[in-house]
Amino acid sequence: MKNIDCFISACDPGVAASTLNNLGAEPSVASVHVLDAPMGATAVLRQIAERTAGEWTLLYTKPTELSFVHYALERMLAVGEDTGAAMVYADHFAMTGDVLKQAPVIDCQPGALRDDFDFGGVLLYRTSALRDAVAAMDADY
């Protein structure tokens, strides 16, 4: 079922094309949009909330190529559905030169969340929760 709308940050056209292809090949992805403004801006988040139609919205915040290990996105969806989570994030890998290294993230738990918490570059939101959060924003960031 195609129930994820994806939004990626503006980046190098070659990186964007590769990421578009990789996301487009995922069975659960309905659409992929390349943004022309910084992902974290309130106005951009409002645009995303208005444009997304799927049950889930994926934000890719890094300017580097994105690819998934087998069934990673399906696993993230399953965790989101099974737990009722509003947001799902996951460990990832980082390419340093020609070496692929693990880049694990810490579990989100009370007291662990702060302004520099690293969720990684792939953030999967339940669209209804994303829309509620954006609607509650009363300041421009």
C-alpha atoms as a PDB file:
ATOM      1  CA  MET A   1       0.000   0.000   0.000  1.00  0.00           C
ATOM      2  CA  LYS A   2       1.385   3.430  -0.936  1.00  0.00           C
ATOM      3  CA  ASN A   3       0.718   5.512   2.147  1.00  0.00           C
ATOM      4  CA  ILE A   4       3.852   7.665   2.618  1.00  0.00           C
ATOM      5  CA  ASP A   5       4.428  11.120   1.141  1.00  0.00           C
ATOM      6  CA  CYS A   6       8.118  12.067   1.239  1.00  0.00           C
ATOM      7  CA  PHE A   7       9.735  15.482   1.386  1.00  0.00           C
ATOM      8  CA  ILE A   8      13.472  15.957   0.933  1.00  0.00           C
ATOM      9  CA  SER A   9      15.614  19.023   1.554  1.00  0.00           C
ATOM     10  CA  ALA A  10      16.959  20.992  -1.364  1.00  0.00           C
ATOM     11  CA  CYS A  11      20.370  19.612  -2.225  1.00  0.00           C
ATOM     12  CA  ASP A  12      22.741  18.918  -5.103  1.00  0.00           C
ATOM     13  CA  PRO A  13      20.637  17.966  -8.177  1.00  0.00           C
ATOM     14  CA  GLY A  14      22.497  14.648  -8.573  1.00  0.00           C
ATOM     15  CA  VAL A  15      21.910  13.728  -4.933  1.00  0.00           C
ATOM     16  CA  ALA A  16      18.257  14.759  -5.219  1.00  0.00           C
ATOM     17  CA  ALA A  17      17.768  12.629  -8.349  1.00  0.00           C
ATOM     18  CA  SER A  18      19.357   9.585  -6.717  1.00  0.00           C
ATOM     19  CA  THR A  19      17.307  10.027  -3.537  1.00  0.00           C
ATOM     20  CA  LEU A  20      14.138  10.498  -5.613  1.00  0.00           C
ATOM     21  CA  ASN A  21      14.857   7.225  -7.418  1.00  0.00           C
ATOM     22  CA  ASN A  22      15.616   5.362  -4.186  1.00  0.00           C
ATOM     23  CA  LEU A  23      12.479   6.597  -2.448  1.00  0.00           C
ATOM     24  CA  GLY A  24      10.354   6.080  -5.554  1.00  0.00           C
ATOM     25  CA  ALA A  25      11.397   2.432  -5.606  1.00  0.00           C
ATOM     26  CA  GLU A  26       9.987   1.848  -2.120  1.00  0.00           C
ATOM     27  CA  PRO A  27       6.613   0.036  -2.306  1.00  0.00           C
ATOM     28  CA  SER A  28       4.982   2.156   0.413  1.00  0.00           C
ATOM     29  CA  VAL A  29       5.964   5.557  -1.039  1.00  0.00           C
ATOM     30  CA  ALA A  30       3.163   7.403  -2.836  1.00  0.00           C
ATOM     31  CA  SER A  31       5.014  10.612  -3.710  1.00  0.00           C
ATOM     32  CA  VAL A  32       8.346  12.400  -3.292  1.00  0.00           C
ATOM     33  CA  HIS A  33       8.739  16.187  -3.207  1.00  0.00           C
ATOM     34  CA  VAL A  34      11.986  18.195  -3.270  1.00  0.00           C
ATOM     35  CA  LEU A  35      11.767  21.351  -1.182  1.00  0.00           C
ATOM     36  CA  ASP A  36      13.422  24.594  -2.225  1.00  0.00           C
ATOM     37  CA  ALA A  37      13.682  26.050   1.285  1.00  0.00           C
ATOM     38  CA  PRO A  38      15.169  24.866   4.614  1.00  0.00           C
ATOM     39  CA  MET A  39      13.207  21.973   6.104  1.00  0.00           C
ATOM     40  CA  GLY A  40      12.966  23.423   9.618  1.00  0.00           C
ATOM     41  CA  ALA A  41      11.320  26.715   8.724  1.00  0.00           C
ATOM     42  CA  THR A  42       7.785  27.028  10.091  1.00  0.00           C
ATOM     43  CA  ALA A  43       6.445  28.191   6.724  1.00  0.00           C
ATOM     44  CA  VAL A  44       7.922  25.111   5.023  1.00  0.00           C
ATOM     45  CA  LEU A  45       6.439  22.795   7.644  1.00  0.00           C
ATOM     46  CA  ARG A  46       3.061  24.421   7.049  1.00  0.00           C
ATOM     47  CA  GLN A  47       3.427  23.790   3.303  1.00  0.00           C
ATOM     48  CA  ILE A  48       4.324  20.166   3.966  1.00  0.00           C
ATOM     49  CA  ALA A  49       1.318  19.716   6.270  1.00  0.00           C
ATOM     50  CA  GLU A  50      -0.945  21.128   3.552  1.00  0.00           C
ATOM     51  CA  ARG A  51       0.546  19.079   0.693  1.00  0.00           C
ATOM     52  CA  THR A  52       0.855  15.680   2.314  1.00  0.00           C
ATOM     53  CA  ALA A  53      -2.040  13.308   1.699  1.00  0.00           C
ATOM     54  CA  GLY A  54      -0.767   9.947   2.922  1.00  0.00           C
ATOM     55  CA  GLU A  55      -1.269   8.421   6.321  1.00  0.00           C
ATOM     56  CA  TRP A  56       2.453   8.936   6.976  1.00  0.00           C
ATOM     57  CA  THR A  57       4.829  11.755   6.053  1.00  0.00           C
ATOM     58  CA  LEU A  58       8.564  11.171   5.712  1.00  0.00           C
ATOM     59  CA  LEU A  59      10.954  14.088   6.069  1.00  0.00           C
ATOM     60  CA  TYR A  60      14.538  13.576   4.921  1.00  0.00           C
ATOM     61  CA  THR A  61      16.585  16.423   6.353  1.00  0.00           C
ATOM     62  CA  LYS A  62      20.104  15.668   5.134  1.00  0.00           C
ATOM     63  CA  PRO A  63      21.714  16.987   1.917  1.00  0.00           C
ATOM     64  CA  THR A  64      23.238  13.578   1.155  1.00  0.00           C
ATOM     65  CA  GLU A  65      21.980  10.610  -0.843  1.00  0.00           C
ATOM     66  CA  LEU A  66      19.412   8.456   0.928  1.00  0.00           C
ATOM     67  CA  SER A  67      19.096   4.723   0.502  1.00  0.00           C
ATOM     68  CA  PHE A  68      17.515   2.100   2.731  1.00  0.00           C
ATOM     69  CA  VAL A  69      18.555  -1.372   3.800  1.00  0.00           C
ATOM     70  CA  HIS A  70      16.040  -4.048   2.815  1.00  0.00           C
ATOM     71  CA  TYR A  71      12.630  -3.601   4.465  1.00  0.00           C
ATOM     72  CA  ALA A  72      13.779  -0.641   6.594  1.00  0.00           C
ATOM     73  CA  LEU A  73      10.867   1.579   5.660  1.00  0.00           C
ATOM     74  CA  GLU A  74       8.393  -1.276   6.064  1.00  0.00           C
ATOM     75  CA  ARG A  75       9.832  -1.942   9.527  1.00  0.00           C
ATOM     76  CA  MET A  76       9.499   1.724  10.494  1.00  0.00           C
ATOM     77  CA  LEU A  77       5.867   1.673   9.340  1.00  0.00           C
ATOM     78  CA  ALA A  78       5.190  -1.513  11.302  1.00  0.00           C
ATOM     79  CA  VAL A  79       6.667  -0.015  14.471  1.00  0.00           C
ATOM     80  CA  GLY A  80       4.597   3.137  14.000  1.00  0.00           C
ATOM     81  CA  GLU A  81       1.402   1.175  13.434  1.00  0.00           C
ATOM     82  CA  ASP A  82       2.017  -1.366  16.198  1.00  0.00           C
ATOM     83  CA  THR A  83       2.881   1.231  18.841  1.00  0.00           C
ATOM     84  CA  GLY A  84       0.563   4.038  17.754  1.00  0.00           C
ATOM     85  CA  ALA A  85       3.590   6.348  17.613  1.00  0.00           C
ATOM     86  CA  ALA A  86       3.286   9.859  16.225  1.00  0.00           C
ATOM     87  CA  MET A  87       6.905   9.752  14.991  1.00  0.00           C
ATOM     88  CA  VAL A  88       9.379   6.994  14.185  1.00  0.00           C
ATOM     89  CA  TYR A  89      13.127   7.328  13.693  1.00  0.00           C
ATOM     90  CA  ALA A  90      15.878   4.746  13.383  1.00  0.00           C
ATOM     91  CA  ASP A  91      19.565   3.988  13.545  1.00  0.00           C
ATOM     92  CA  HIS A  92      21.371   4.742  10.331  1.00  0.00           C
ATOM     93  CA  PHE A  93      24.683   4.445   8.553  1.00  0.00           C
ATOM     94  CA  ALA A  94      27.134   7.162   7.520  1.00  0.00           C
ATOM     95  CA  MET A  95      29.537   6.974   4.604  1.00  0.00           C
ATOM     96  CA  THR A  96      32.975   8.268   5.558  1.00  0.00           C
ATOM     97  CA  GLY A  97      35.082   8.200   2.425  1.00  0.00           C
ATOM     98  CA  ASP A  98      34.578   4.670   1.145  1.00  0.00           C
ATOM     99  CA  VAL A  99      33.745   3.219   4.566  1.00  0.00           C
ATOM    100  CA  LEU A 100      30.159   2.619   5.698  1.00  0.00           C
ATOM    101  CA  LYS A 101      29.901   3.099   9.472  1.00  0.00           C
ATOM    102  CA  GLN A 102      27.017   2.549  11.866  1.00  0.00           C
ATOM    103  CA  ALA A 103      25.576   5.755  13.321  1.00  0.00           C
ATOM    104  CA  PRO A 104      23.149   4.620  16.013  1.00  0.00           C
ATOM    105  CA  VAL A 105      20.781   7.046  17.712  1.00  0.00           C
ATOM    106  CA  ILE A 106      19.719   6.872  21.344  1.00  0.00           C
ATOM    107  CA  ASP A 107      16.283   5.789  22.491  1.00  0.00           C
ATOM    108  CA  CYS A 108      13.852   8.598  23.137  1.00  0.00           C
ATOM    109  CA  GLN A 109      12.821   8.463  26.778  1.00  0.00           C
ATOM    110  CA  PRO A 110      11.874  10.957  29.489  1.00  0.00           C
ATOM    111  CA  GLY A 111      14.863  13.173  30.238  1.00  0.00           C
ATOM    112  CA  ALA A 112      16.748  12.206  27.066  1.00  0.00           C
ATOM    113  CA  LEU A 113      15.063  14.653  24.703  1.00  0.00           C
ATOM    114  CA  ARG A 114      16.773  18.024  24.331  1.00  0.00           C
ATOM    115  CA  ASP A 115      17.321  20.610  21.600  1.00  0.00           C
ATOM    116  CA  ASP A 116      20.363  18.792  20.155  1.00  0.00           C
ATOM    117  CA  PHE A 117      18.820  15.293  20.193  1.00  0.00           C
ATOM    118  CA  ASP A 118      19.915  13.404  17.068  1.00  0.00           C
ATOM    119  CA  PHE A 119      16.966  11.655  15.422  1.00  0.00           C
ATOM    120  CA  GLY A 120      18.975  11.073  12.251  1.00  0.00           C
ATOM    121  CA  GLY A 121      17.964  12.327   8.825  1.00  0.00           C
ATOM    122  CA  VAL A 122      14.833  10.216   8.284  1.00  0.00           C
ATOM    123  CA  LEU A 123      11.799  11.249  10.314  1.00  0.00           C
ATOM    124  CA  LEU A 124       8.555   9.373   9.738  1.00  0.00           C
ATOM    125  CA  TYR A 125       5.494  11.199  11.107  1.00  0.00           C
ATOM    126  CA  ARG A 126       1.905  10.094  11.373  1.00  0.00           C
ATOM    127  CA  THR A 127       0.374  12.789   9.159  1.00  0.00           C
ATOM    128  CA  SER A 128      -2.424  13.623  11.592  1.00  0.00           C
ATOM    129  CA  ALA A 129       0.132  14.270  14.372  1.00  0.00           C
ATOM    130  CA  LEU A 130       2.300  16.364  12.062  1.00  0.00           C
ATOM    131  CA  ARG A 131      -0.689  18.486  11.076  1.00  0.00           C
ATOM    132  CA  ASP A 132      -1.705  18.937  14.727  1.00  0.00           C
ATOM    133  CA  ALA A 133       1.823  20.014  15.681  1.00  0.00           C
ATOM    134  CA  VAL A 134       2.092  22.457  12.785  1.00  0.00           C
ATOM    135  CA  ALA A 135      -1.333  23.904  13.571  1.00  0.00           C
ATOM    136  CA  ALA A 136      -0.184  24.559  17.152  1.00  0.00           C
ATOM    137  CA  MET A 137       2.914  26.506  16.041  1.00  0.00           C
ATOM    138  CA  ASP A 138       2.476  30.165  16.896  1.00  0.00           C
ATOM    139  CA  ALA A 139       6.013  31.371  16.159  1.00  0.00           C
ATOM    140  CA  ASP A 140       8.238  31.350  13.107  1.00  0.00           C
ATOM    141  CA  TYR A 141      11.399  29.310  13.493  1.00  0.00           C
END
